Amino acid sequence: MAGAIRQGRVAETIKRFISTMVYSDFGGTPADMITITHVAVLPDLRSAKIYYSTFKPENVQSIQEYLDANLKNIRFKLASHLSRLKVVPEIKFVYDDSVDREIRLEKIFEAIKKD
């Protein structure tokens, strides 16, 4: 139980830090229009997936390339923020397409409603 609570706190800390970093450090880059939607941390705290969405789904590839190219720098900055952890999690950015799916479903429901 305590492990799950810690896992959740670490995930929330990573989410807040990366969200702040997007607004302060990513201005003028392909990644300046992303929103961090969720962070999933493994129970051993050695790995974290950071899910993001964007207002421009057509730019996902360039955003992902930018994030992947800057992964080392992002993790370095994260390490200074997570100084209480023995090991800083390996991070991976993953596009969260749930918003796109939701929009598609809404359109389908609207079409059904009209019929």
PDB file of N, CA and C in Angstrom:
ATOM      1  N   MET A   1       0.817  -1.195   0.000  1.00  0.00           N
ATOM      2  CA  MET A   1       0.000   0.000   0.000  1.00  0.00           C
ATOM      3  C   MET A   1       0.863   1.262   0.000  1.00  0.00           C
ATOM      4  N   ALA A   2       1.869   1.286   0.868  1.00  0.00           N
ATOM      5  CA  ALA A   2       2.737   2.464   0.949  1.00  0.00           C
ATOM      6  C   ALA A   2       3.496   2.661  -0.356  1.00  0.00           C
ATOM      7  N   GLY A   3       3.854   1.541  -1.023  1.00  0.00           N
ATOM      8  CA  GLY A   3       4.558   1.629  -2.297  1.00  0.00           C
ATOM      9  C   GLY A   3       3.708   2.277  -3.370  1.00  0.00           C
ATOM     10  N   ALA A   4       2.425   1.940  -3.388  1.00  0.00           N
ATOM     11  CA  ALA A   4       1.516   2.519  -4.376  1.00  0.00           C
ATOM     12  C   ALA A   4       1.328   4.016  -4.136  1.00  0.00           C
ATOM     13  N   ILE A   5       1.291   4.399  -2.879  1.00  0.00           N
ATOM     14  CA  ILE A   5       1.158   5.824  -2.549  1.00  0.00           C
ATOM     15  C   ILE A   5       2.397   6.581  -3.010  1.00  0.00           C
ATOM     16  N   ARG A   6       3.562   6.018  -2.749  1.00  0.00           N
ATOM     17  CA  ARG A   6       4.816   6.663  -3.168  1.00  0.00           C
ATOM     18  C   ARG A   6       4.888   6.732  -4.690  1.00  0.00           C
ATOM     19  N   GLN A   7       4.497   5.650  -5.344  1.00  0.00           N
ATOM     20  CA  GLN A   7       4.489   5.603  -6.801  1.00  0.00           C
ATOM     21  C   GLN A   7       3.603   6.723  -7.358  1.00  0.00           C
ATOM     22  N   GLY A   8       2.446   6.921  -6.766  1.00  0.00           N
ATOM     23  CA  GLY A   8       1.542   7.985  -7.194  1.00  0.00           C
ATOM     24  C   GLY A   8       2.114   9.370  -6.959  1.00  0.00           C
ATOM     25  N   ARG A   9       2.779   9.545  -5.825  1.00  0.00           N
ATOM     26  CA  ARG A   9       3.393  10.851  -5.534  1.00  0.00           C
ATOM     27  C   ARG A   9       4.514  11.164  -6.515  1.00  0.00           C
ATOM     28  N   VAL A  10       5.341  10.158  -6.825  1.00  0.00           N
ATOM     29  CA  VAL A  10       6.436  10.368  -7.784  1.00  0.00           C
ATOM     30  C   VAL A  10       5.853  10.706  -9.155  1.00  0.00           C
ATOM     31  N   ALA A  11       4.813   9.988  -9.576  1.00  0.00           N
ATOM     32  CA  ALA A  11       4.177  10.254 -10.869  1.00  0.00           C
ATOM     33  C   ALA A  11       3.627  11.678 -10.918  1.00  0.00           C
ATOM     34  N   GLU A  12       2.971  12.099  -9.860  1.00  0.00           N
ATOM     35  CA  GLU A  12       2.404  13.447  -9.813  1.00  0.00           C
ATOM     36  C   GLU A  12       3.507  14.511  -9.807  1.00  0.00           C
ATOM     37  N   THR A  13       4.599  14.251  -9.108  1.00  0.00           N
ATOM     38  CA  THR A  13       5.728  15.186  -9.079  1.00  0.00           C
ATOM     39  C   THR A  13       6.339  15.326 -10.471  1.00  0.00           C
ATOM     40  N   ILE A  14       6.518  14.200 -11.157  1.00  0.00           N
ATOM     41  CA  ILE A  14       7.060  14.231 -12.519  1.00  0.00           C
ATOM     42  C   ILE A  14       6.113  15.004 -13.432  1.00  0.00           C
ATOM     43  N   LYS A  15       4.826  14.744 -13.318  1.00  0.00           N
ATOM     44  CA  LYS A  15       3.838  15.429 -14.164  1.00  0.00           C
ATOM     45  C   LYS A  15       3.893  16.940 -13.963  1.00  0.00           C
ATOM     46  N   ARG A  16       3.912  17.377 -12.721  1.00  0.00           N
ATOM     47  CA  ARG A  16       3.974  18.823 -12.441  1.00  0.00           C
ATOM     48  C   ARG A  16       5.264  19.433 -12.977  1.00  0.00           C
ATOM     49  N   PHE A  17       6.404  18.746 -12.745  1.00  0.00           N
ATOM     50  CA  PHE A  17       7.688  19.290 -13.174  1.00  0.00           C
ATOM     51  C   PHE A  17       7.756  19.400 -14.697  1.00  0.00           C
ATOM     52  N   ILE A  18       7.378  18.333 -15.402  1.00  0.00           N
ATOM     53  CA  ILE A  18       7.440  18.351 -16.866  1.00  0.00           C
ATOM     54  C   ILE A  18       6.443  19.367 -17.420  1.00  0.00           C
ATOM     55  N   SER A  19       5.270  19.484 -16.818  1.00  0.00           N
ATOM     56  CA  SER A  19       4.288  20.484 -17.266  1.00  0.00           C
ATOM     57  C   SER A  19       4.850  21.892 -17.139  1.00  0.00           C
ATOM     58  N   THR A  20       5.500  22.170 -16.035  1.00  0.00           N
ATOM     59  CA  THR A  20       6.131  23.473 -15.832  1.00  0.00           C
ATOM     60  C   THR A  20       7.254  23.682 -16.835  1.00  0.00           C
ATOM     61  N   MET A  21       8.011  22.637 -17.080  1.00  0.00           N
ATOM     62  CA  MET A  21       9.129  22.707 -18.023  1.00  0.00           C
ATOM     63  C   MET A  21       8.631  23.011 -19.440  1.00  0.00           C
ATOM     64  N   VAL A  22       7.498  22.456 -19.822  1.00  0.00           N
ATOM     65  CA  VAL A  22       6.928  22.717 -21.147  1.00  0.00           C
ATOM     66  C   VAL A  22       6.707  24.214 -21.327  1.00  0.00           C
ATOM     67  N   TYR A  23       6.133  24.860 -20.323  1.00  0.00           N
ATOM     68  CA  TYR A  23       5.839  26.289 -20.433  1.00  0.00           C
ATOM     69  C   TYR A  23       7.078  27.166 -20.326  1.00  0.00           C
ATOM     70  N   SER A  24       8.068  26.735 -19.544  1.00  0.00           N
ATOM     71  CA  SER A  24       9.236  27.595 -19.343  1.00  0.00           C
ATOM     72  C   SER A  24      10.374  27.332 -20.325  1.00  0.00           C
ATOM     73  N   ASP A  25      10.570  26.083 -20.742  1.00  0.00           N
ATOM     74  CA  ASP A  25      11.743  25.739 -21.550  1.00  0.00           C
ATOM     75  C   ASP A  25      11.445  25.415 -23.010  1.00  0.00           C
ATOM     76  N   PHE A  26      10.207  25.075 -23.344  1.00  0.00           N
ATOM     77  CA  PHE A  26       9.915  24.593 -24.690  1.00  0.00           C
ATOM     78  C   PHE A  26       9.347  25.657 -25.611  1.00  0.00           C
ATOM     79  N   GLY A  27       9.297  26.905 -25.169  1.00  0.00           N
ATOM     80  CA  GLY A  27       8.745  27.969 -25.997  1.00  0.00           C
ATOM     81  C   GLY A  27       9.475  28.082 -27.324  1.00  0.00           C
ATOM     82  N   GLY A  28       8.722  28.163 -28.409  1.00  0.00           N
ATOM     83  CA  GLY A  28       9.317  28.288 -29.731  1.00  0.00           C
ATOM     84  C   GLY A  28       9.800  26.976 -30.320  1.00  0.00           C
ATOM     85  N   THR A  29       9.524  25.872 -29.662  1.00  0.00           N
ATOM     86  CA  THR A  29       9.918  24.552 -30.166  1.00  0.00           C
ATOM     87  C   THR A  29       8.666  23.800 -30.603  1.00  0.00           C
ATOM     88  N   PRO A  30       8.842  22.680 -31.308  1.00  0.00           N
ATOM     89  CA  PRO A  30       7.655  21.902 -31.685  1.00  0.00           C
ATOM     90  C   PRO A  30       6.836  21.440 -30.481  1.00  0.00           C
ATOM     91  N   ALA A  31       7.469  21.319 -29.330  1.00  0.00           N
ATOM     92  CA  ALA A  31       6.787  20.784 -28.146  1.00  0.00           C
ATOM     93  C   ALA A  31       6.148  21.855 -27.272  1.00  0.00           C
ATOM     94  N   ASP A  32       6.080  23.093 -27.755  1.00  0.00           N
ATOM     95  CA  ASP A  32       5.529  24.144 -26.888  1.00  0.00           C
ATOM     96  C   ASP A  32       4.007  24.099 -26.776  1.00  0.00           C
ATOM     97  N   MET A  33       3.357  23.277 -27.569  1.00  0.00           N
ATOM     98  CA  MET A  33       1.897  23.189 -27.534  1.00  0.00           C
ATOM     99  C   MET A  33       1.408  21.833 -27.023  1.00  0.00           C
ATOM    100  N   ILE A  34       2.155  21.227 -26.102  1.00  0.00           N
ATOM    101  CA  ILE A  34       1.712  19.946 -25.570  1.00  0.00           C
ATOM    102  C   ILE A  34       1.160  20.120 -24.160  1.00  0.00           C
ATOM    103  N   THR A  35       0.346  19.171 -23.778  1.00  0.00           N
ATOM    104  CA  THR A  35      -0.196  19.108 -22.426  1.00  0.00           C
ATOM    105  C   THR A  35       0.135  17.732 -21.873  1.00  0.00           C
ATOM    106  N   ILE A  36       0.707  17.687 -20.699  1.00  0.00           N
ATOM    107  CA  ILE A  36       1.006  16.411 -20.056  1.00  0.00           C
ATOM    108  C   ILE A  36      -0.302  15.911 -19.449  1.00  0.00           C
ATOM    109  N   THR A  37      -0.764  14.757 -19.927  1.00  0.00           N
ATOM    110  CA  THR A  37      -2.061  14.244 -19.488  1.00  0.00           C
ATOM    111  C   THR A  37      -1.952  13.234 -18.360  1.00  0.00           C
ATOM    112  N   HIS A  38      -0.864  12.482 -18.339  1.00  0.00           N
ATOM    113  CA  HIS A  38      -0.754  11.401 -17.358  1.00  0.00           C
ATOM    114  C   HIS A  38       0.699  10.945 -17.292  1.00  0.00           C
ATOM    115  N   VAL A  39       1.114  10.488 -16.126  1.00  0.00           N
ATOM    116  CA  VAL A  39       2.439   9.878 -15.965  1.00  0.00           C
ATOM    117  C   VAL A  39       2.238   8.537 -15.280  1.00  0.00           C
ATOM    118  N   ALA A  40       2.785   7.494 -15.894  1.00  0.00           N
ATOM    119  CA  ALA A  40       2.710   6.147 -15.316  1.00  0.00           C
ATOM    120  C   ALA A  40       4.112   5.729 -14.895  1.00  0.00           C
ATOM    121  N   VAL A  41       4.277   5.438 -13.616  1.00  0.00           N
ATOM    122  CA  VAL A  41       5.574   5.041 -13.068  1.00  0.00           C
ATOM    123  C   VAL A  41       5.489   3.581 -12.648  1.00  0.00           C
ATOM    124  N   LEU A  42       6.508   2.807 -13.004  1.00  0.00           N
ATOM    125  CA  LEU A  42       6.545   1.408 -12.574  1.00  0.00           C
ATOM    126  C   LEU A  42       6.716   1.334 -11.058  1.00  0.00           C
ATOM    127  N   PRO A  43       6.282   0.244 -10.440  1.00  0.00           N
ATOM    128  CA  PRO A  43       6.385   0.125  -8.977  1.00  0.00           C
ATOM    129  C   PRO A  43       7.802   0.281  -8.424  1.00  0.00           C
ATOM    130  N   ASP A  44       8.824  -0.108  -9.198  1.00  0.00           N
ATOM    131  CA  ASP A  44      10.202   0.036  -8.709  1.00  0.00           C
ATOM    132  C   ASP A  44      10.760   1.446  -8.935  1.00  0.00           C
ATOM    133  N   LEU A  45       9.957   2.332  -9.508  1.00  0.00           N
ATOM    134  CA  LEU A  45      10.300   3.747  -9.755  1.00  0.00           C
ATOM    135  C   LEU A  45      11.478   3.926 -10.708  1.00  0.00           C
ATOM    136  N   ARG A  46      11.807   2.919 -11.487  1.00  0.00           N
ATOM    137  CA  ARG A  46      12.947   3.009 -12.407  1.00  0.00           C
ATOM    138  C   ARG A  46      12.549   3.438 -13.819  1.00  0.00           C
ATOM    139  N   SER A  47      11.270   3.473 -14.096  1.00  0.00           N
ATOM    140  CA  SER A  47      10.813   3.816 -15.433  1.00  0.00           C
ATOM    141  C   SER A  47       9.493   4.577 -15.349  1.00  0.00           C
ATOM    142  N   ALA A  48       9.353   5.572 -16.216  1.00  0.00           N
ATOM    143  CA  ALA A  48       8.117   6.364 -16.251  1.00  0.00           C
ATOM    144  C   ALA A  48       7.749   6.672 -17.697  1.00  0.00           C
ATOM    145  N   LYS A  49       6.475   6.513 -18.001  1.00  0.00           N
ATOM    146  CA  LYS A  49       5.947   6.921 -19.298  1.00  0.00           C
ATOM    147  C   LYS A  49       5.181   8.215 -19.079  1.00  0.00           C
ATOM    148  N   ILE A  50       5.531   9.206 -19.878  1.00  0.00           N
ATOM    149  CA  ILE A  50       4.894  10.514 -19.779  1.00  0.00           C
ATOM    150  C   ILE A  50       3.988  10.673 -20.997  1.00  0.00           C
ATOM    151  N   TYR A  51       2.693  10.699 -20.758  1.00  0.00           N
ATOM    152  CA  TYR A  51       1.714  10.809 -21.831  1.00  0.00           C
ATOM    153  C   TYR A  51       1.388  12.278 -22.072  1.00  0.00           C
ATOM    154  N   TYR A  52       1.346  12.655 -23.347  1.00  0.00           N
ATOM    155  CA  TYR A  52       1.055  14.044 -23.700  1.00  0.00           C
ATOM    156  C   TYR A  52       0.024  14.098 -24.823  1.00  0.00           C
ATOM    157  N   SER A  53      -0.655  15.213 -24.910  1.00  0.00           N
ATOM    158  CA  SER A  53      -1.560  15.466 -26.027  1.00  0.00           C
ATOM    159  C   SER A  53      -1.190  16.826 -26.610  1.00  0.00           C
ATOM    160  N   THR A  54      -1.731  17.099 -27.780  1.00  0.00           N
ATOM    161  CA  THR A  54      -1.445  18.364 -28.440  1.00  0.00           C
ATOM    162  C   THR A  54      -2.693  18.862 -29.156  1.00  0.00           C
ATOM    163  N   PHE A  55      -2.760  20.169 -29.348  1.00  0.00           N
ATOM    164  CA  PHE A  55      -3.881  20.758 -30.069  1.00  0.00           C
ATOM    165  C   PHE A  55      -3.736  20.553 -31.571  1.00  0.00           C
ATOM    166  N   LYS A  56      -2.531  20.169 -31.995  1.00  0.00           N
ATOM    167  CA  LYS A  56      -2.261  19.975 -33.414  1.00  0.00           C
ATOM    168  C   LYS A  56      -1.779  18.539 -33.642  1.00  0.00           C
ATOM    169  N   PRO A  57      -2.701  17.592 -33.771  1.00  0.00           N
ATOM    170  CA  PRO A  57      -2.304  16.186 -33.941  1.00  0.00           C
ATOM    171  C   PRO A  57      -1.439  15.940 -35.179  1.00  0.00           C
ATOM    172  N   GLU A  58      -1.519  16.831 -36.161  1.00  0.00           N
ATOM    173  CA  GLU A  58      -0.702  16.661 -37.365  1.00  0.00           C
ATOM    174  C   GLU A  58       0.790  16.874 -37.080  1.00  0.00           C
ATOM    175  N   ASN A  59       1.118  17.478 -35.935  1.00  0.00           N
ATOM    176  CA  ASN A  59       2.515  17.734 -35.573  1.00  0.00           C
ATOM    177  C   ASN A  59       3.099  16.700 -34.619  1.00  0.00           C
ATOM    178  N   VAL A  60       2.388  15.614 -34.380  1.00  0.00           N
ATOM    179  CA  VAL A  60       2.829  14.633 -33.385  1.00  0.00           C
ATOM    180  C   VAL A  60       4.222  14.093 -33.703  1.00  0.00           C
ATOM    181  N   GLN A  61       4.494  13.816 -34.968  1.00  0.00           N
ATOM    182  CA  GLN A  61       5.793  13.247 -35.322  1.00  0.00           C
ATOM    183  C   GLN A  61       6.935  14.210 -35.000  1.00  0.00           C
ATOM    184  N   SER A  62       6.800  15.476 -35.354  1.00  0.00           N
ATOM    185  CA  SER A  62       7.878  16.432 -35.067  1.00  0.00           C
ATOM    186  C   SER A  62       8.005  16.677 -33.566  1.00  0.00           C
ATOM    187  N   ILE A  63       6.889  16.660 -32.855  1.00  0.00           N
ATOM    188  CA  ILE A  63       6.931  16.818 -31.395  1.00  0.00           C
ATOM    189  C   ILE A  63       7.658  15.645 -30.770  1.00  0.00           C
ATOM    190  N   GLN A  64       7.306  14.427 -31.205  1.00  0.00           N
ATOM    191  CA  GLN A  64       7.935  13.227 -30.651  1.00  0.00           C
ATOM    192  C   GLN A  64       9.435  13.223 -30.936  1.00  0.00           C
ATOM    193  N   GLU A  65       9.816  13.620 -32.142  1.00  0.00           N
ATOM    194  CA  GLU A  65      11.241  13.684 -32.487  1.00  0.00           C
ATOM    195  C   GLU A  65      11.967  14.690 -31.596  1.00  0.00           C
ATOM    196  N   TYR A  66      11.353  15.833 -31.357  1.00  0.00           N
ATOM    197  CA  TYR A  66      11.962  16.842 -30.489  1.00  0.00           C
ATOM    198  C   TYR A  66      12.134  16.305 -29.071  1.00  0.00           C
ATOM    199  N   LEU A  67      11.089  15.702 -28.536  1.00  0.00           N
ATOM    200  CA  LEU A  67      11.156  15.167 -27.173  1.00  0.00           C
ATOM    201  C   LEU A  67      12.207  14.069 -27.062  1.00  0.00           C
ATOM    202  N   ASP A  68      12.243  13.178 -28.048  1.00  0.00           N
ATOM    203  CA  ASP A  68      13.236  12.095 -28.028  1.00  0.00           C
ATOM    204  C   ASP A  68      14.662  12.638 -28.123  1.00  0.00           C
ATOM    205  N   ALA A  69      14.855  13.666 -28.948  1.00  0.00           N
ATOM    206  CA  ALA A  69      16.187  14.250 -29.102  1.00  0.00           C
ATOM    207  C   ALA A  69      16.653  14.953 -27.823  1.00  0.00           C
ATOM    208  N   ASN A  70      15.720  15.436 -27.022  1.00  0.00           N
ATOM    209  CA  ASN A  70      16.059  16.170 -25.801  1.00  0.00           C
ATOM    210  C   ASN A  70      15.831  15.366 -24.528  1.00  0.00           C
ATOM    211  N   LEU A  71      15.656  14.074 -24.667  1.00  0.00           N
ATOM    212  CA  LEU A  71      15.350  13.209 -23.528  1.00  0.00           C
ATOM    213  C   LEU A  71      16.419  13.267 -22.448  1.00  0.00           C
ATOM    214  N   LYS A  72      17.675  13.265 -22.860  1.00  0.00           N
ATOM    215  CA  LYS A  72      18.777  13.279 -21.893  1.00  0.00           C
ATOM    216  C   LYS A  72      18.769  14.568 -21.063  1.00  0.00           C
ATOM    217  N   ASN A  73      18.575  15.691 -21.730  1.00  0.00           N
ATOM    218  CA  ASN A  73      18.532  16.985 -21.043  1.00  0.00           C
ATOM    219  C   ASN A  73      17.327  17.074 -20.102  1.00  0.00           C
ATOM    220  N   ILE A  74      16.178  16.591 -20.568  1.00  0.00           N
ATOM    221  CA  ILE A  74      14.967  16.613 -19.738  1.00  0.00           C
ATOM    222  C   ILE A  74      15.172  15.748 -18.499  1.00  0.00           C
ATOM    223  N   ARG A  75      15.742  14.565 -18.684  1.00  0.00           N
ATOM    224  CA  ARG A  75      15.973  13.659 -17.549  1.00  0.00           C
ATOM    225  C   ARG A  75      16.984  14.263 -16.569  1.00  0.00           C
ATOM    226  N   PHE A  76      17.997  14.959 -17.091  1.00  0.00           N
ATOM    227  CA  PHE A  76      18.990  15.608 -16.231  1.00  0.00           C
ATOM    228  C   PHE A  76      18.318  16.658 -15.342  1.00  0.00           C
ATOM    229  N   LYS A  77      17.451  17.472 -15.938  1.00  0.00           N
ATOM    230  CA  LYS A  77      16.738  18.491 -15.156  1.00  0.00           C
ATOM    231  C   LYS A  77      15.785  17.841 -14.156  1.00  0.00           C
ATOM    232  N   LEU A  78      15.167  16.750 -14.570  1.00  0.00           N
ATOM    233  CA  LEU A  78      14.274  16.019 -13.674  1.00  0.00           C
ATOM    234  C   LEU A  78      15.046  15.452 -12.489  1.00  0.00           C
ATOM    235  N   ALA A  79      16.274  14.998 -12.734  1.00  0.00           N
ATOM    236  CA  ALA A  79      17.105  14.426 -11.663  1.00  0.00           C
ATOM    237  C   ALA A  79      17.363  15.446 -10.563  1.00  0.00           C
ATOM    238  N   SER A  80      17.595  16.687 -10.943  1.00  0.00           N
ATOM    239  CA  SER A  80      17.846  17.706  -9.916  1.00  0.00           C
ATOM    240  C   SER A  80      16.584  17.981  -9.098  1.00  0.00           C
ATOM    241  N   HIS A  81      15.439  17.770  -9.711  1.00  0.00           N
ATOM    242  CA  HIS A  81      14.169  17.990  -9.009  1.00  0.00           C
ATOM    243  C   HIS A  81      13.790  16.795  -8.128  1.00  0.00           C
ATOM    244  N   LEU A  82      14.202  15.601  -8.531  1.00  0.00           N
ATOM    245  CA  LEU A  82      13.885  14.380  -7.780  1.00  0.00           C
ATOM    246  C   LEU A  82      15.096  13.908  -6.987  1.00  0.00           C
ATOM    247  N   SER A  83      15.764  14.817  -6.345  1.00  0.00           N
ATOM    248  CA  SER A  83      17.022  14.493  -5.661  1.00  0.00           C
ATOM    249  C   SER A  83      16.843  13.517  -4.501  1.00  0.00           C
ATOM    250  N   ARG A  84      15.637  13.333  -4.017  1.00  0.00           N
ATOM    251  CA  ARG A  84      15.410  12.420  -2.892  1.00  0.00           C
ATOM    252  C   ARG A  84      15.354  10.952  -3.332  1.00  0.00           C
ATOM    253  N   LEU A  85      15.215  10.721  -4.632  1.00  0.00           N
ATOM    254  CA  LEU A  85      15.177   9.347  -5.129  1.00  0.00           C
ATOM    255  C   LEU A  85      16.587   8.822  -5.352  1.00  0.00           C
ATOM    256  N   LYS A  86      16.787   7.547  -5.078  1.00  0.00           N
ATOM    257  CA  LYS A  86      18.094   6.939  -5.322  1.00  0.00           C
ATOM    258  C   LYS A  86      18.393   6.877  -6.811  1.00  0.00           C
ATOM    259  N   VAL A  87      17.375   6.497  -7.583  1.00  0.00           N
ATOM    260  CA  VAL A  87      17.527   6.355  -9.025  1.00  0.00           C
ATOM    261  C   VAL A  87      16.465   7.208  -9.709  1.00  0.00           C
ATOM    262  N   VAL A  88      16.893   8.000 -10.672  1.00  0.00           N
ATOM    263  CA  VAL A  88      15.948   8.806 -11.440  1.00  0.00           C
ATOM    264  C   VAL A  88      15.345   7.907 -12.516  1.00  0.00           C
ATOM    265  N   PRO A  89      14.034   7.892 -12.644  1.00  0.00           N
ATOM    266  CA  PRO A  89      13.406   6.997 -13.617  1.00  0.00           C
ATOM    267  C   PRO A  89      13.844   7.292 -15.049  1.00  0.00           C
ATOM    268  N   GLU A  90      13.983   6.224 -15.831  1.00  0.00           N
ATOM    269  CA  GLU A  90      14.134   6.377 -17.274  1.00  0.00           C
ATOM    270  C   GLU A  90      12.787   6.895 -17.755  1.00  0.00           C
ATOM    271  N   ILE A  91      12.800   7.874 -18.636  1.00  0.00           N
ATOM    272  CA  ILE A  91      11.529   8.429 -19.083  1.00  0.00           C
ATOM    273  C   ILE A  91      11.322   8.185 -20.572  1.00  0.00           C
ATOM    274  N   LYS A  92      10.064   8.070 -20.918  1.00  0.00           N
ATOM    275  CA  LYS A  92       9.674   7.893 -22.314  1.00  0.00           C
ATOM    276  C   LYS A  92       8.409   8.709 -22.536  1.00  0.00           C
ATOM    277  N   PHE A  93       8.402   9.499 -23.596  1.00  0.00           N
ATOM    278  CA  PHE A  93       7.224  10.282 -23.938  1.00  0.00           C
ATOM    279  C   PHE A  93       6.351   9.482 -24.901  1.00  0.00           C
ATOM    280  N   VAL A  94       5.046   9.471 -24.625  1.00  0.00           N
ATOM    281  CA  VAL A  94       4.090   8.710 -25.425  1.00  0.00           C
ATOM    282  C   VAL A  94       2.915   9.630 -25.759  1.00  0.00           C
ATOM    283  N   TYR A  95       2.552   9.666 -27.038  1.00  0.00           N
ATOM    284  CA  TYR A  95       1.413  10.487 -27.452  1.00  0.00           C
ATOM    285  C   TYR A  95       0.124   9.857 -26.939  1.00  0.00           C
ATOM    286  N   ASP A  96      -0.691  10.638 -26.280  1.00  0.00           N
ATOM    287  CA  ASP A  96      -1.969  10.186 -25.728  1.00  0.00           C
ATOM    288  C   ASP A  96      -3.069  10.568 -26.717  1.00  0.00           C
ATOM    289  N   ASP A  97      -3.570   9.584 -27.443  1.00  0.00           N
ATOM    290  CA  ASP A  97      -4.579   9.874 -28.461  1.00  0.00           C
ATOM    291  C   ASP A  97      -6.008   9.744 -27.935  1.00  0.00           C
ATOM    292  N   SER A  98      -6.178   9.686 -26.638  1.00  0.00           N
ATOM    293  CA  SER A  98      -7.524   9.531 -26.071  1.00  0.00           C
ATOM    294  C   SER A  98      -8.427  10.717 -26.409  1.00  0.00           C
ATOM    295  N   VAL A  99      -7.867  11.903 -26.495  1.00  0.00           N
ATOM    296  CA  VAL A  99      -8.672  13.080 -26.846  1.00  0.00           C
ATOM    297  C   VAL A  99      -9.165  12.947 -28.286  1.00  0.00           C
ATOM    298  N   ASP A 100      -8.288  12.497 -29.188  1.00  0.00           N
ATOM    299  CA  ASP A 100      -8.683  12.297 -30.583  1.00  0.00           C
ATOM    300  C   ASP A 100      -9.785  11.247 -30.687  1.00  0.00           C
ATOM    301  N   ARG A 101      -9.632  10.158 -29.934  1.00  0.00           N
ATOM    302  CA  ARG A 101     -10.658   9.104 -29.945  1.00  0.00           C
ATOM    303  C   ARG A 101     -11.980   9.638 -29.412  1.00  0.00           C
ATOM    304  N   GLU A 102     -11.913  10.450 -28.376  1.00  0.00           N
ATOM    305  CA  GLU A 102     -13.129  11.028 -27.795  1.00  0.00           C
ATOM    306  C   GLU A 102     -13.847  11.915 -28.806  1.00  0.00           C
ATOM    307  N   ILE A 103     -13.097  12.715 -29.539  1.00  0.00           N
ATOM    308  CA  ILE A 103     -13.692  13.594 -30.551  1.00  0.00           C
ATOM    309  C   ILE A 103     -14.352  12.765 -31.648  1.00  0.00           C
ATOM    310  N   ARG A 104     -13.656  11.695 -32.091  1.00  0.00           N
ATOM    311  CA  ARG A 104     -14.235  10.826 -33.116  1.00  0.00           C
ATOM    312  C   ARG A 104     -15.531  10.182 -32.624  1.00  0.00           C
ATOM    313  N   LEU A 105     -15.546   9.724 -31.387  1.00  0.00           N
ATOM    314  CA  LEU A 105     -16.755   9.114 -30.830  1.00  0.00           C
ATOM    315  C   LEU A 105     -17.895  10.121 -30.735  1.00  0.00           C
ATOM    316  N   GLU A 106     -17.576  11.339 -30.335  1.00  0.00           N
ATOM    317  CA  GLU A 106     -18.598  12.388 -30.266  1.00  0.00           C
ATOM    318  C   GLU A 106     -19.227  12.625 -31.637  1.00  0.00           C
ATOM    319  N   LYS A 107     -18.394  12.635 -32.680  1.00  0.00           N
ATOM    320  CA  LYS A 107     -18.916  12.831 -34.037  1.00  0.00           C
ATOM    321  C   LYS A 107     -19.821  11.675 -34.440  1.00  0.00           C
ATOM    322  N   ILE A 108     -19.428  10.464 -34.080  1.00  0.00           N
ATOM    323  CA  ILE A 108     -20.249   9.291 -34.389  1.00  0.00           C
ATOM    324  C   ILE A 108     -21.588   9.383 -33.663  1.00  0.00           C
ATOM    325  N   PHE A 109     -21.547   9.735 -32.383  1.00  0.00           N
ATOM    326  CA  PHE A 109     -22.784   9.858 -31.608  1.00  0.00           C
ATOM    327  C   PHE A 109     -23.689  10.955 -32.164  1.00  0.00           C
ATOM    328  N   GLU A 110     -23.098  12.057 -32.591  1.00  0.00           N
ATOM    329  CA  GLU A 110     -23.882  13.139 -33.192  1.00  0.00           C
ATOM    330  C   GLU A 110     -24.549  12.665 -34.481  1.00  0.00           C
ATOM    331  N   ALA A 111     -23.799  11.897 -35.293  1.00  0.00           N
ATOM    332  CA  ALA A 111     -24.358  11.377 -36.543  1.00  0.00           C
ATOM    333  C   ALA A 111     -25.503  10.411 -36.258  1.00  0.00           C
ATOM    334  N   ILE A 112     -25.355   9.579 -35.248  1.00  0.00           N
ATOM    335  CA  ILE A 112     -26.411   8.635 -34.871  1.00  0.00           C
ATOM    336  C   ILE A 112     -27.630   9.395 -34.361  1.00  0.00           C
ATOM    337  N   LYS A 113     -27.385  10.426 -33.589  1.00  0.00           N
ATOM    338  CA  LYS A 113     -28.471  11.228 -33.012  1.00  0.00           C
ATOM    339  C   LYS A 113     -29.307  11.896 -34.109  1.00  0.00           C
ATOM    340  N   LYS A 114     -28.644  12.341 -35.180  1.00  0.00           N
ATOM    341  CA  LYS A 114     -29.336  13.007 -36.283  1.00  0.00           C
ATOM    342  C   LYS A 114     -30.211  12.037 -37.061  1.00  0.00           C
ATOM    343  N   ASP A 115     -29.808  10.780 -37.106  1.00  0.00           N
ATOM    344  CA  ASP A 115     -30.572   9.770 -37.876  1.00  0.00           C
ATOM    345  C   ASP A 115     -31.761   9.294 -37.164  1.00  0.00           C
TER     346      ASP A 115
END
